[in-house]
Protein backbone atom coordinates (compact mmCIF):
# COMPACT_ATOMS: atom_id res chain seq x y z
CA UNK A 1 -0.16 0.15 0.02
CA UNK A 2 1.16 3.45 -0.79
CA UNK A 3 2.06 5.67 2.10
CA UNK A 4 0.53 9.03 2.46
CA UNK A 5 2.40 11.87 0.66
CA UNK A 6 4.38 9.21 -1.48
CA UNK A 7 3.55 7.95 -4.66
CA UNK A 8 0.11 7.41 -5.78
CA UNK A 9 -2.71 9.22 -4.09
CA UNK A 10 -5.21 7.46 -1.68
CA UNK A 11 -8.68 7.24 -1.72
CA UNK A 12 -8.78 9.16 1.31
CA UNK A 13 -7.14 12.26 -0.88
CA UNK A 14 -10.23 12.00 -3.39
CA UNK A 15 -13.13 10.59 -1.76
CA UNK A 16 -16.22 12.84 -0.79
CA UNK A 17 -16.39 13.04 3.08
CA UNK A 18 -20.12 14.20 3.19
CA UNK A 19 -22.27 11.40 1.33
CA UNK A 20 -25.78 11.79 0.84
CA UNK A 21 -26.97 7.92 2.07
CA UNK A 22 -30.60 6.33 2.02
CA UNK A 23 -31.69 3.89 4.41
CA UNK A 24 -33.04 0.17 3.93
CA UNK A 25 -36.42 1.34 5.00
CA UNK A 26 -36.71 3.80 2.47
CA UNK A 27 -39.46 3.72 -0.24
CA UNK A 28 -38.00 3.18 -3.81
CA UNK A 29 -40.34 6.20 -5.17
CA UNK A 30 -38.59 8.63 -2.62
CA UNK A 31 -35.01 7.04 -3.48
CA UNK A 32 -35.90 7.61 -7.23
CA UNK A 33 -37.21 11.37 -6.32
CA UNK A 34 -33.92 12.01 -4.50
CA UNK A 35 -31.61 10.62 -7.25
CA UNK A 36 -33.41 12.87 -9.82
CA UNK A 37 -33.43 15.94 -7.60
CA UNK A 38 -29.65 15.39 -6.60
CA UNK A 39 -28.24 14.30 -10.39
CA UNK A 40 -26.78 11.23 -8.98
CA UNK A 41 -27.35 7.86 -10.03
CA UNK A 42 -27.08 5.79 -6.89
CA UNK A 43 -26.71 6.04 -2.75
CA UNK A 44 -24.97 3.70 -0.22
CA UNK A 45 -27.55 2.28 1.98
CA UNK A 46 -26.76 2.64 5.66
CA UNK A 47 -28.13 0.89 8.68
CA UNK A 48 -29.00 3.49 11.51
CA UNK A 49 -25.64 2.79 13.19
CA UNK A 50 -23.81 3.94 9.82
CA UNK A 51 -22.83 0.38 8.83
CA UNK A 52 -22.91 0.23 5.08
CA UNK A 53 -25.97 -2.25 4.00
CA UNK A 54 -25.46 -2.09 0.15
CA UNK A 55 -26.09 0.09 -2.56
CA UNK A 56 -28.80 1.39 -4.53
CA UNK A 57 -28.26 2.53 -8.06
CA UNK A 58 -30.42 3.39 -11.09
CA UNK A 59 -29.80 0.29 -12.58
CA UNK A 60 -31.45 -1.53 -9.46
CA UNK A 61 -34.28 0.65 -9.71
CA UNK A 62 -34.61 0.40 -13.34
CA UNK A 63 -34.63 -3.60 -12.91
CA UNK A 64 -37.46 -3.27 -10.85
CA UNK A 65 -39.63 -1.12 -13.10
CA UNK A 66 -38.79 -3.39 -16.05
CA UNK A 67 -40.77 -6.12 -14.14
CA UNK A 68 -43.92 -4.13 -14.51
CA UNK A 69 -46.27 -5.50 -16.87
CA UNK A 70 -47.80 -2.63 -19.28
CA UNK A 71 -50.73 -3.62 -20.83
CA UNK A 72 -50.84 -3.60 -25.01
CA UNK A 73 -53.16 -0.88 -26.17
CA UNK A 74 -55.07 -1.02 -29.49
CA UNK A 75 -56.35 1.60 -31.67
CA UNK A 76 -60.09 1.65 -32.96
CA UNK A 77 -61.70 4.64 -34.45
CA UNK A 78 -58.87 7.19 -33.45
CA UNK A 79 -58.97 6.15 -30.12
CA UNK A 80 -56.74 3.99 -27.53
CA UNK A 81 -58.06 1.12 -25.73
CA UNK A 82 -56.22 -1.41 -22.99
CA UNK A 83 -56.33 -5.00 -24.29
CA UNK A 84 -57.01 -6.42 -20.80
CA UNK A 85 -57.55 -4.63 -17.38
CA UNK A 86 -55.76 -1.37 -16.37
CA UNK A 87 -56.69 -2.61 -12.64
CA UNK A 88 -53.78 -4.83 -12.83
CA UNK A 89 -51.01 -2.30 -13.82
CA UNK A 90 -52.68 -0.05 -11.44
CA UNK A 91 -51.95 -2.80 -8.66
CA UNK A 92 -48.53 -3.38 -10.04
CA UNK A 93 -47.79 0.56 -9.59
CA UNK A 94 -49.19 0.47 -5.83
CA UNK A 95 -47.12 -2.27 -4.78
CA UNK A 96 -43.73 -1.04 -6.65
CA UNK A 97 -44.62 2.37 -4.75
CA UNK A 98 -44.51 0.45 -1.54
CA UNK A 99 -41.13 -1.33 -2.17
CA UNK A 100 -38.30 -0.62 0.33
CA UNK A 101 -34.58 -0.22 -0.44
CA UNK A 102 -33.64 -3.32 1.16
CA UNK A 103 -35.67 -5.50 -1.01
CA UNK A 104 -33.70 -4.53 -4.34
CA UNK A 105 -30.43 -3.13 -3.35
CA UNK A 106 -27.44 -4.48 -4.35
CA UNK A 107 -25.69 -6.37 -1.62
CA UNK A 108 -23.07 -6.83 -0.19
CA UNK A 109 -21.46 -3.61 -0.96
CA UNK A 110 -18.41 -3.46 -2.75
CA UNK A 111 -15.96 -1.21 -0.52
CA UNK A 112 -12.98 0.24 -0.32
CA UNK A 113 -11.10 1.62 2.36
CA UNK A 114 -9.36 5.16 2.76
CA UNK A 115 -5.81 3.41 2.66
CA UNK A 116 -6.21 2.00 -0.63
CA UNK A 117 -4.41 3.67 -3.66
CA UNK A 118 -6.42 5.14 -6.65
CA UNK A 119 -5.32 2.15 -8.71
CA UNK A 120 -6.59 -0.51 -6.15
CA UNK A 121 -9.96 1.50 -6.08
CA UNK A 122 -10.13 1.71 -10.14
CA UNK A 123 -9.42 -2.30 -10.31
CA UNK A 124 -12.32 -2.62 -7.57
CA UNK A 125 -14.73 -0.85 -9.77
CA UNK A 126 -13.90 -2.48 -13.07
CA UNK A 127 -13.64 -6.11 -11.58
CA UNK A 128 -16.90 -5.67 -10.25
CA UNK A 129 -18.46 -3.46 -12.72
CA UNK A 130 -19.84 -0.66 -9.79
CA UNK A 131 -19.72 3.00 -10.70
CA UNK A 132 -19.39 3.82 -7.04
CA UNK A 133 -17.40 2.79 -3.86
CA UNK A 134 -18.54 3.59 -0.47
CA UNK A 135 -15.61 3.61 1.81
CA UNK A 136 -15.74 2.41 5.10
CA UNK A 137 -13.62 2.39 8.66
CA UNK A 138 -12.55 -0.84 10.12
CA UNK A 139 -16.01 -1.08 11.90
CA UNK A 140 -17.63 -1.22 8.28
CA UNK A 141 -19.24 2.33 8.93
CA UNK A 142 -19.31 4.93 5.69
CA UNK A 143 -16.80 7.33 5.78
CA UNK A 144 -16.82 8.43 2.28
CA UNK A 145 -17.16 7.34 -1.21
CA UNK A 146 -14.89 7.08 -4.70
CA UNK A 147 -16.87 7.56 -7.94
CA UNK A 148 -15.70 6.93 -10.97
CA UNK A 149 -16.29 10.74 -11.94
CA UNK A 150 -13.75 11.33 -9.23
CA UNK A 151 -11.09 8.94 -10.59
CA UNK A 152 -11.94 11.09 -14.14
CA UNK A 153 -11.53 14.14 -12.06
CA UNK A 154 -7.98 13.39 -10.61
CA UNK A 155 -6.78 11.81 -14.01
CA UNK A 156 -7.77 15.40 -15.84
CA UNK A 157 -5.72 16.91 -13.47
CA UNK A 158 -2.70 15.59 -15.43
CA UNK A 159 -3.13 18.29 -18.31
CA UNK A 160 -2.98 20.82 -15.35
CA UNK A 161 0.95 20.42 -14.62
CA UNK A 162 0.13 17.99 -12.04
CA UNK A 163 2.93 15.20 -11.29
CA UNK A 164 2.32 11.51 -12.51
CA UNK A 165 2.02 9.21 -9.66
CA UNK A 166 1.83 5.84 -11.08
CA UNK A 167 -0.66 6.67 -13.87
CA UNK A 168 -2.29 9.29 -11.50
CA UNK A 169 -1.89 12.73 -10.89
CA UNK A 170 -2.09 14.58 -7.78
CA UNK A 171 -5.64 15.03 -6.73
CA UNK A 172 -7.69 18.04 -7.64
CA UNK A 173 -8.35 20.33 -4.85
CA UNK A 174 -11.70 22.54 -5.20
């Protein structure tokens, strides 16, 4: 592992420390609304004690919505009429609105540690095909989050006179 101040930057150098999270008991509709409002594609899911329970992403939400049965409509004399009953669709929508995050979140979460190098974090993202890594302490409590965008921003710093550290420049500080 890299020693802070030597070589490649560490996860703790570029992670976001103030993380927006959701709870396992939150409703999917509320989570979808928060994703849209905040312009993010996922959240760490935490238990009340701050330990990471999983991750909920746009992909998880879309998988659930994909299972929704949309009735077929036919056009008759310029009007659209459902084949079958809309009651079933209404029932399914009510059921989805009552689904809690714990029922569809990805778990266990793929996580990182603050003392990992960015290369280790990038490798974990690629091998597990995830876009974000909740960063946890020794007790499994959330201390930050590292996203692919964080890695790209760090790489983009190379064009601004950054020093190369094992393929990564110094982290960008705003």
